[in-house]
Amino acid sequence: MRQAKATFFIAIAAFALIHATSAVSAQKQVIIPESLKDSYDNFRFAPAVRAGDMVYLSGVVARLKDDETDADIKPAVIRAFEEIEMILKASGGDWSDVVDVTSYLTDLNKYVGPMWAVKQERVPAPYPAWTAIGISSLFGGEKAIIEIKVTAYLPAAEADD
């Protein structure tokens, strides 16, 4: 009798686990704007993933072009913000939905001012939480100077509008 009860409870637990996993998978959606499809296929990471009401963007790198120097990083930062905005739009949102930002800067003291200037122009109130971290390097080589990772709260009803 004990073994039958144990087997029954194991079967119930397995069913519940399978059902819960299916429910989570149904709530998880990879978001890939058309212009980033090749990147998704080649590098095998999602530009963003929706899980329930949250949208998690992969870090977007501000990278200097070959003819740019770190004397003026604003164009690179603007390109990164534009990419973030494109991914947010593909998710059904915009900067007003962002709740948390983490930025990684290869020269915190030198780059935080120009990054902040672009942020001031593009990110509306209510402002998200924001953390800026100085690091030694980023994926993408020496021209990769800042990476910005964003999390947005975007209830499914709003995303469908």
N, C-alpha and C. Protein backbone atom coordinates (compact mmCIF):
# COMPACT_ATOMS: atom_id res chain seq x y z
N MET A 1 0.82 -1.19 0.00
CA MET A 1 0.00 0.00 0.00
C MET A 1 0.87 1.26 0.00
N ARG A 2 1.92 1.25 0.84
CA ARG A 2 2.82 2.40 0.89
C ARG A 2 3.47 2.67 -0.46
N GLN A 3 3.89 1.60 -1.13
CA GLN A 3 4.54 1.76 -2.43
C GLN A 3 3.55 2.31 -3.45
N ALA A 4 2.31 1.90 -3.38
CA ALA A 4 1.29 2.41 -4.30
C ALA A 4 1.05 3.89 -4.07
N LYS A 5 1.00 4.31 -2.79
CA LYS A 5 0.83 5.74 -2.48
C LYS A 5 2.02 6.54 -2.98
N ALA A 6 3.22 6.01 -2.76
CA ALA A 6 4.42 6.71 -3.20
C ALA A 6 4.43 6.84 -4.72
N THR A 7 4.08 5.77 -5.41
CA THR A 7 4.03 5.81 -6.88
C THR A 7 2.99 6.81 -7.34
N PHE A 8 1.85 6.84 -6.68
CA PHE A 8 0.78 7.78 -7.02
C PHE A 8 1.27 9.22 -6.85
N PHE A 9 1.91 9.52 -5.72
CA PHE A 9 2.39 10.88 -5.48
C PHE A 9 3.51 11.27 -6.45
N ILE A 10 4.35 10.32 -6.80
CA ILE A 10 5.40 10.60 -7.79
C ILE A 10 4.76 10.92 -9.14
N ALA A 11 3.74 10.16 -9.51
CA ALA A 11 3.04 10.40 -10.78
C ALA A 11 2.38 11.78 -10.77
N ILE A 12 1.74 12.14 -9.66
CA ILE A 12 1.10 13.45 -9.54
C ILE A 12 2.16 14.56 -9.63
N ALA A 13 3.27 14.38 -8.93
CA ALA A 13 4.34 15.38 -8.95
C ALA A 13 4.91 15.53 -10.36
N ALA A 14 5.11 14.42 -11.06
CA ALA A 14 5.63 14.47 -12.43
C ALA A 14 4.64 15.20 -13.34
N PHE A 15 3.35 14.91 -13.20
CA PHE A 15 2.34 15.58 -14.01
C PHE A 15 2.35 17.09 -13.73
N ALA A 16 2.43 17.45 -12.46
CA ALA A 16 2.43 18.86 -12.09
C ALA A 16 3.67 19.56 -12.66
N LEU A 17 4.82 18.90 -12.59
CA LEU A 17 6.05 19.48 -13.13
C LEU A 17 5.95 19.68 -14.63
N ILE A 18 5.45 18.68 -15.33
CA ILE A 18 5.29 18.79 -16.80
C ILE A 18 4.32 19.91 -17.13
N HIS A 19 3.21 19.97 -16.40
CA HIS A 19 2.21 21.01 -16.65
C HIS A 19 2.79 22.40 -16.36
N ALA A 20 3.51 22.54 -15.26
CA ALA A 20 4.11 23.83 -14.91
C ALA A 20 5.15 24.24 -15.95
N THR A 21 5.96 23.30 -16.42
CA THR A 21 6.95 23.60 -17.44
C THR A 21 6.28 24.05 -18.73
N SER A 22 5.19 23.41 -19.11
CA SER A 22 4.46 23.81 -20.31
C SER A 22 3.89 25.20 -20.15
N ALA A 23 3.38 25.50 -18.97
CA ALA A 23 2.80 26.83 -18.73
C ALA A 23 3.88 27.90 -18.83
N VAL A 24 5.05 27.63 -18.26
CA VAL A 24 6.14 28.60 -18.33
C VAL A 24 6.59 28.79 -19.78
N SER A 25 6.72 27.68 -20.54
CA SER A 25 7.13 27.80 -21.94
C SER A 25 6.12 28.61 -22.74
N ALA A 26 4.84 28.42 -22.42
CA ALA A 26 3.80 29.16 -23.14
C ALA A 26 3.91 30.65 -22.83
N GLN A 27 4.43 31.00 -21.66
CA GLN A 27 4.56 32.40 -21.28
C GLN A 27 5.87 33.02 -21.75
N LYS A 28 6.79 32.22 -22.22
CA LYS A 28 8.10 32.71 -22.65
C LYS A 28 8.06 32.92 -24.17
N GLN A 29 8.45 34.11 -24.59
CA GLN A 29 8.43 34.44 -26.02
C GLN A 29 9.74 35.14 -26.38
N VAL A 30 10.42 34.61 -27.37
CA VAL A 30 11.64 35.25 -27.86
C VAL A 30 11.23 36.37 -28.82
N ILE A 31 11.86 37.53 -28.67
CA ILE A 31 11.55 38.70 -29.49
C ILE A 31 12.77 39.01 -30.35
N ILE A 32 12.54 38.95 -31.67
CA ILE A 32 13.64 39.17 -32.61
C ILE A 32 13.20 40.15 -33.69
N PRO A 33 13.58 41.41 -33.59
CA PRO A 33 13.29 42.33 -34.70
C PRO A 33 13.97 41.81 -35.98
N GLU A 34 13.34 42.04 -37.10
CA GLU A 34 13.83 41.50 -38.38
C GLU A 34 15.30 41.85 -38.62
N SER A 35 15.71 43.07 -38.29
CA SER A 35 17.09 43.48 -38.56
C SER A 35 18.11 42.75 -37.68
N LEU A 36 17.65 42.05 -36.64
CA LEU A 36 18.56 41.32 -35.75
C LEU A 36 18.46 39.81 -35.92
N LYS A 37 17.71 39.36 -36.92
CA LYS A 37 17.53 37.92 -37.13
C LYS A 37 18.86 37.22 -37.41
N ASP A 38 19.70 37.80 -38.27
CA ASP A 38 21.00 37.18 -38.56
C ASP A 38 21.85 37.07 -37.30
N SER A 39 21.83 38.11 -36.49
CA SER A 39 22.58 38.09 -35.23
C SER A 39 22.06 36.98 -34.32
N TYR A 40 20.74 36.83 -34.26
CA TYR A 40 20.13 35.76 -33.44
C TYR A 40 20.60 34.39 -33.93
N ASP A 41 20.57 34.19 -35.25
CA ASP A 41 20.97 32.91 -35.82
C ASP A 41 22.47 32.65 -35.65
N ASN A 42 23.29 33.67 -35.85
CA ASN A 42 24.75 33.49 -35.78
C ASN A 42 25.28 33.37 -34.35
N PHE A 43 24.81 34.25 -33.46
CA PHE A 43 25.35 34.28 -32.10
C PHE A 43 24.52 33.48 -31.11
N ARG A 44 23.31 33.09 -31.52
CA ARG A 44 22.44 32.22 -30.73
C ARG A 44 22.08 32.79 -29.37
N PHE A 45 21.66 34.06 -29.37
CA PHE A 45 21.02 34.62 -28.19
C PHE A 45 19.94 35.57 -28.65
N ALA A 46 18.91 35.69 -27.82
CA ALA A 46 17.75 36.50 -28.17
C ALA A 46 18.00 37.97 -27.88
N PRO A 47 17.57 38.86 -28.77
CA PRO A 47 17.62 40.29 -28.45
C PRO A 47 16.78 40.61 -27.22
N ALA A 48 15.65 39.89 -27.07
CA ALA A 48 14.81 40.06 -25.89
C ALA A 48 13.98 38.80 -25.68
N VAL A 49 13.57 38.60 -24.45
CA VAL A 49 12.68 37.50 -24.10
C VAL A 49 11.59 38.05 -23.20
N ARG A 50 10.34 37.76 -23.58
CA ARG A 50 9.20 38.10 -22.73
C ARG A 50 8.91 36.88 -21.87
N ALA A 51 8.80 37.10 -20.56
CA ALA A 51 8.40 36.07 -19.61
C ALA A 51 7.28 36.67 -18.77
N GLY A 52 6.06 36.29 -19.07
CA GLY A 52 4.92 36.90 -18.40
C GLY A 52 4.83 38.37 -18.77
N ASP A 53 4.78 39.22 -17.76
CA ASP A 53 4.67 40.67 -17.99
C ASP A 53 6.03 41.38 -18.07
N MET A 54 7.10 40.61 -17.98
CA MET A 54 8.44 41.20 -18.01
C MET A 54 9.10 40.94 -19.36
N VAL A 55 9.86 41.94 -19.84
CA VAL A 55 10.64 41.80 -21.06
C VAL A 55 12.09 42.08 -20.69
N TYR A 56 12.95 41.10 -20.97
CA TYR A 56 14.36 41.19 -20.64
C TYR A 56 15.15 41.35 -21.93
N LEU A 57 15.81 42.48 -22.09
CA LEU A 57 16.64 42.71 -23.27
C LEU A 57 18.06 42.25 -22.98
N SER A 58 18.66 41.62 -23.97
CA SER A 58 20.09 41.33 -23.87
C SER A 58 20.83 42.66 -23.91
N GLY A 59 22.04 42.65 -23.42
CA GLY A 59 22.83 43.87 -23.45
C GLY A 59 23.06 44.35 -24.88
N VAL A 60 22.91 45.64 -25.08
CA VAL A 60 23.17 46.27 -26.38
C VAL A 60 24.47 47.05 -26.24
N VAL A 61 25.39 46.79 -27.16
CA VAL A 61 26.72 47.38 -27.07
C VAL A 61 26.82 48.66 -27.89
N ALA A 62 27.33 49.70 -27.25
CA ALA A 62 27.70 50.92 -27.96
C ALA A 62 29.12 50.68 -28.45
N ARG A 63 29.25 50.62 -29.77
CA ARG A 63 30.52 50.29 -30.39
C ARG A 63 30.92 51.42 -31.32
N LEU A 64 32.14 51.88 -31.18
CA LEU A 64 32.65 52.92 -32.07
C LEU A 64 32.87 52.34 -33.46
N LYS A 65 32.54 53.12 -34.48
CA LYS A 65 32.85 52.72 -35.86
C LYS A 65 34.35 52.91 -36.07
N ASP A 66 34.85 52.33 -37.15
CA ASP A 66 36.29 52.39 -37.41
C ASP A 66 36.82 53.82 -37.49
N ASP A 67 35.99 54.74 -38.00
CA ASP A 67 36.45 56.12 -38.14
C ASP A 67 36.13 57.00 -36.92
N GLU A 68 35.60 56.39 -35.86
CA GLU A 68 35.27 57.15 -34.64
C GLU A 68 36.30 56.88 -33.55
N THR A 69 36.48 57.89 -32.69
CA THR A 69 37.37 57.72 -31.54
C THR A 69 36.57 57.98 -30.27
N ASP A 70 37.18 57.65 -29.16
CA ASP A 70 36.45 57.86 -27.90
C ASP A 70 36.48 59.32 -27.45
N ALA A 71 36.99 60.20 -28.31
CA ALA A 71 36.89 61.64 -28.03
C ALA A 71 35.44 62.11 -28.15
N ASP A 72 34.65 61.42 -28.97
CA ASP A 72 33.22 61.73 -29.12
C ASP A 72 32.46 60.42 -29.25
N ILE A 73 31.97 59.91 -28.13
CA ILE A 73 31.28 58.61 -28.15
C ILE A 73 29.77 58.75 -28.35
N LYS A 74 29.28 59.99 -28.37
CA LYS A 74 27.84 60.19 -28.44
C LYS A 74 27.17 59.47 -29.62
N PRO A 75 27.73 59.50 -30.83
CA PRO A 75 27.08 58.77 -31.93
C PRO A 75 26.94 57.26 -31.65
N ALA A 76 27.94 56.66 -31.03
CA ALA A 76 27.88 55.23 -30.71
C ALA A 76 26.80 54.97 -29.66
N VAL A 77 26.70 55.86 -28.68
CA VAL A 77 25.69 55.70 -27.63
C VAL A 77 24.29 55.89 -28.23
N ILE A 78 24.13 56.84 -29.12
CA ILE A 78 22.84 57.06 -29.78
C ILE A 78 22.43 55.80 -30.55
N ARG A 79 23.37 55.18 -31.27
CA ARG A 79 23.05 53.95 -32.00
C ARG A 79 22.60 52.85 -31.06
N ALA A 80 23.24 52.75 -29.90
CA ALA A 80 22.84 51.73 -28.92
C ALA A 80 21.43 52.01 -28.41
N PHE A 81 21.13 53.26 -28.09
CA PHE A 81 19.79 53.62 -27.62
C PHE A 81 18.75 53.36 -28.72
N GLU A 82 19.10 53.63 -29.96
CA GLU A 82 18.17 53.36 -31.07
C GLU A 82 17.88 51.87 -31.19
N GLU A 83 18.91 51.03 -30.99
CA GLU A 83 18.70 49.58 -31.04
C GLU A 83 17.80 49.13 -29.88
N ILE A 84 18.04 49.67 -28.71
CA ILE A 84 17.19 49.35 -27.56
C ILE A 84 15.75 49.74 -27.87
N GLU A 85 15.57 50.93 -28.42
CA GLU A 85 14.22 51.40 -28.75
C GLU A 85 13.55 50.51 -29.78
N MET A 86 14.32 50.02 -30.76
CA MET A 86 13.78 49.11 -31.77
C MET A 86 13.32 47.80 -31.13
N ILE A 87 14.12 47.27 -30.21
CA ILE A 87 13.77 46.01 -29.55
C ILE A 87 12.56 46.22 -28.64
N LEU A 88 12.54 47.33 -27.91
CA LEU A 88 11.37 47.63 -27.07
C LEU A 88 10.11 47.74 -27.92
N LYS A 89 10.21 48.39 -29.07
CA LYS A 89 9.05 48.54 -29.96
C LYS A 89 8.58 47.17 -30.45
N ALA A 90 9.53 46.30 -30.81
CA ALA A 90 9.17 44.95 -31.26
C ALA A 90 8.50 44.16 -30.13
N SER A 91 8.78 44.55 -28.89
CA SER A 91 8.18 43.91 -27.71
C SER A 91 6.81 44.49 -27.40
N GLY A 92 6.47 45.60 -28.06
CA GLY A 92 5.19 46.26 -27.79
C GLY A 92 5.33 47.39 -26.78
N GLY A 93 6.55 47.83 -26.51
CA GLY A 93 6.76 48.86 -25.50
C GLY A 93 7.68 49.97 -25.95
N ASP A 94 8.09 50.76 -24.97
CA ASP A 94 9.05 51.85 -25.20
C ASP A 94 9.74 52.15 -23.87
N TRP A 95 10.52 53.22 -23.86
CA TRP A 95 11.29 53.56 -22.64
C TRP A 95 10.39 53.77 -21.43
N SER A 96 9.16 54.19 -21.62
CA SER A 96 8.29 54.42 -20.46
C SER A 96 7.95 53.12 -19.74
N ASP A 97 8.17 51.98 -20.37
CA ASP A 97 7.91 50.67 -19.76
C ASP A 97 9.13 50.11 -19.04
N VAL A 98 10.28 50.75 -19.20
CA VAL A 98 11.52 50.24 -18.62
C VAL A 98 11.54 50.48 -17.12
N VAL A 99 11.87 49.43 -16.37
CA VAL A 99 11.92 49.54 -14.90
C VAL A 99 13.33 49.44 -14.35
N ASP A 100 14.26 48.86 -15.14
CA ASP A 100 15.62 48.68 -14.63
C ASP A 100 16.61 48.68 -15.79
N VAL A 101 17.73 49.36 -15.58
CA VAL A 101 18.80 49.41 -16.57
C VAL A 101 20.12 49.18 -15.85
N THR A 102 20.96 48.36 -16.46
CA THR A 102 22.33 48.20 -15.98
C THR A 102 23.24 48.53 -17.15
N SER A 103 24.19 49.42 -16.92
CA SER A 103 25.14 49.79 -17.97
C SER A 103 26.54 49.46 -17.50
N TYR A 104 27.32 48.95 -18.44
CA TYR A 104 28.70 48.56 -18.18
C TYR A 104 29.58 49.44 -19.05
N LEU A 105 30.50 50.16 -18.44
CA LEU A 105 31.32 51.13 -19.16
C LEU A 105 32.79 50.77 -19.00
N THR A 106 33.51 50.70 -20.12
CA THR A 106 34.93 50.35 -20.05
C THR A 106 35.80 51.47 -19.49
N ASP A 107 35.27 52.67 -19.46
CA ASP A 107 35.93 53.79 -18.78
C ASP A 107 34.82 54.59 -18.10
N LEU A 108 34.48 54.19 -16.91
CA LEU A 108 33.33 54.77 -16.21
C LEU A 108 33.41 56.29 -16.13
N ASN A 109 34.52 56.82 -15.69
CA ASN A 109 34.63 58.27 -15.51
C ASN A 109 34.54 59.04 -16.82
N LYS A 110 35.09 58.50 -17.88
CA LYS A 110 35.12 59.19 -19.17
C LYS A 110 33.79 59.06 -19.92
N TYR A 111 33.12 57.91 -19.80
CA TYR A 111 31.95 57.63 -20.65
C TYR A 111 30.61 57.89 -20.00
N VAL A 112 30.57 57.96 -18.67
CA VAL A 112 29.26 58.11 -18.02
C VAL A 112 28.59 59.42 -18.40
N GLY A 113 29.33 60.50 -18.53
CA GLY A 113 28.75 61.80 -18.89
C GLY A 113 28.07 61.78 -20.26
N PRO A 114 28.79 61.35 -21.33
CA PRO A 114 28.13 61.28 -22.63
C PRO A 114 26.95 60.31 -22.66
N MET A 115 27.07 59.17 -21.96
CA MET A 115 25.95 58.24 -21.92
C MET A 115 24.76 58.89 -21.22
N TRP A 116 25.03 59.58 -20.12
CA TRP A 116 23.96 60.24 -19.36
C TRP A 116 23.29 61.32 -20.19
N ALA A 117 24.06 62.02 -21.03
CA ALA A 117 23.49 63.07 -21.89
C ALA A 117 22.48 62.47 -22.87
N VAL A 118 22.81 61.32 -23.45
CA VAL A 118 21.88 60.65 -24.37
C VAL A 118 20.67 60.15 -23.59
N LYS A 119 20.91 59.60 -22.42
CA LYS A 119 19.81 59.12 -21.57
C LYS A 119 18.85 60.26 -21.27
N GLN A 120 19.38 61.43 -20.93
CA GLN A 120 18.52 62.57 -20.59
C GLN A 120 17.63 62.97 -21.77
N GLU A 121 18.12 62.80 -22.99
CA GLU A 121 17.36 63.16 -24.19
C GLU A 121 16.30 62.13 -24.54
N ARG A 122 16.50 60.86 -24.16
CA ARG A 122 15.67 59.79 -24.69
C ARG A 122 14.79 59.09 -23.68
N VAL A 123 15.13 59.13 -22.41
CA VAL A 123 14.40 58.35 -21.41
C VAL A 123 13.47 59.27 -20.62
N PRO A 124 12.15 59.08 -20.77
CA PRO A 124 11.19 59.95 -20.10
C PRO A 124 10.91 59.51 -18.65
N ALA A 125 10.34 60.43 -17.88
CA ALA A 125 9.87 60.09 -16.54
C ALA A 125 8.60 59.25 -16.69
N PRO A 126 8.29 58.40 -15.76
CA PRO A 126 9.05 58.11 -14.56
C PRO A 126 10.30 57.30 -14.90
N TYR A 127 11.41 57.71 -14.33
CA TYR A 127 12.70 57.16 -14.69
C TYR A 127 12.89 55.76 -14.10
N PRO A 128 13.57 54.89 -14.86
CA PRO A 128 13.84 53.55 -14.34
C PRO A 128 14.99 53.56 -13.33
N ALA A 129 15.08 52.48 -12.58
CA ALA A 129 16.27 52.28 -11.75
C ALA A 129 17.44 52.09 -12.71
N TRP A 130 18.62 52.58 -12.34
CA TRP A 130 19.77 52.52 -13.25
C TRP A 130 21.04 52.28 -12.46
N THR A 131 21.81 51.31 -12.89
CA THR A 131 23.10 51.02 -12.28
C THR A 131 24.17 51.14 -13.35
N ALA A 132 25.25 51.86 -13.05
CA ALA A 132 26.38 52.01 -13.98
C ALA A 132 27.60 51.37 -13.33
N ILE A 133 28.24 50.47 -14.06
CA ILE A 133 29.36 49.70 -13.54
C ILE A 133 30.57 49.87 -14.45
N GLY A 134 31.72 50.17 -13.85
CA GLY A 134 32.97 50.24 -14.61
C GLY A 134 33.57 48.85 -14.74
N ILE A 135 33.97 48.49 -15.97
CA ILE A 135 34.54 47.17 -16.24
C ILE A 135 35.77 47.33 -17.13
N SER A 136 36.52 46.24 -17.31
CA SER A 136 37.75 46.34 -18.10
C SER A 136 37.54 46.11 -19.60
N SER A 137 36.58 45.27 -19.99
CA SER A 137 36.36 45.03 -21.41
C SER A 137 34.97 44.46 -21.65
N LEU A 138 34.57 44.51 -22.92
CA LEU A 138 33.28 43.98 -23.36
C LEU A 138 33.49 43.08 -24.56
N PHE A 139 32.53 42.20 -24.81
CA PHE A 139 32.53 41.41 -26.03
C PHE A 139 32.41 42.36 -27.21
N GLY A 140 33.26 42.22 -28.18
CA GLY A 140 33.22 43.10 -29.34
C GLY A 140 34.51 43.85 -29.58
N GLY A 141 35.51 43.61 -28.76
CA GLY A 141 36.81 44.23 -28.98
C GLY A 141 36.95 45.62 -28.38
N GLU A 142 38.04 46.27 -28.73
CA GLU A 142 38.37 47.57 -28.16
C GLU A 142 37.37 48.66 -28.51
N LYS A 143 36.68 48.52 -29.63
CA LYS A 143 35.70 49.54 -30.05
C LYS A 143 34.38 49.40 -29.30
N ALA A 144 34.20 48.31 -28.55
CA ALA A 144 33.00 48.14 -27.72
C ALA A 144 33.26 48.84 -26.39
N ILE A 145 32.51 49.92 -26.13
CA ILE A 145 32.84 50.76 -24.98
C ILE A 145 31.79 50.75 -23.87
N ILE A 146 30.53 50.51 -24.23
CA ILE A 146 29.44 50.51 -23.25
C ILE A 146 28.47 49.41 -23.63
N GLU A 147 27.94 48.72 -22.65
CA GLU A 147 26.86 47.77 -22.87
C GLU A 147 25.71 48.16 -21.96
N ILE A 148 24.50 48.15 -22.51
CA ILE A 148 23.31 48.58 -21.76
C ILE A 148 22.30 47.44 -21.77
N LYS A 149 21.92 47.00 -20.59
CA LYS A 149 20.96 45.90 -20.41
C LYS A 149 19.71 46.45 -19.77
N VAL A 150 18.55 46.12 -20.37
CA VAL A 150 17.28 46.74 -19.99
C VAL A 150 16.25 45.68 -19.60
N THR A 151 15.46 45.98 -18.59
CA THR A 151 14.30 45.17 -18.22
C THR A 151 13.08 46.07 -18.22
N ALA A 152 12.02 45.58 -18.87
CA ALA A 152 10.78 46.37 -18.96
C ALA A 152 9.62 45.59 -18.38
N TYR A 153 8.69 46.31 -17.78
CA TYR A 153 7.43 45.74 -17.30
C TYR A 153 6.38 46.09 -18.34
N LEU A 154 5.84 45.09 -18.98
CA LEU A 154 4.92 45.30 -20.08
C LEU A 154 3.80 44.27 -19.98
N PRO A 155 2.75 44.59 -19.21
CA PRO A 155 1.65 43.64 -19.09
C PRO A 155 1.13 43.20 -20.46
N ALA A 156 0.80 41.94 -20.57
CA ALA A 156 0.39 41.35 -21.86
C ALA A 156 -0.75 42.15 -22.50
N ALA A 157 -1.68 42.64 -21.71
CA ALA A 157 -2.81 43.41 -22.27
C ALA A 157 -2.30 44.65 -22.98
N GLU A 158 -1.29 45.31 -22.43
CA GLU A 158 -0.71 46.51 -23.07
C GLU A 158 0.04 46.13 -24.33
N ALA A 159 0.74 44.99 -24.33
CA ALA A 159 1.52 44.57 -25.48
C ALA A 159 0.62 44.24 -26.66
N ASP A 160 -0.61 43.80 -26.39
CA ASP A 160 -1.53 43.44 -27.45
C ASP A 160 -2.19 44.64 -28.08
N ASP A 161 -2.15 45.79 -27.41
CA ASP A 161 -2.80 47.00 -27.95
C ASP A 161 -2.14 47.51 -29.20
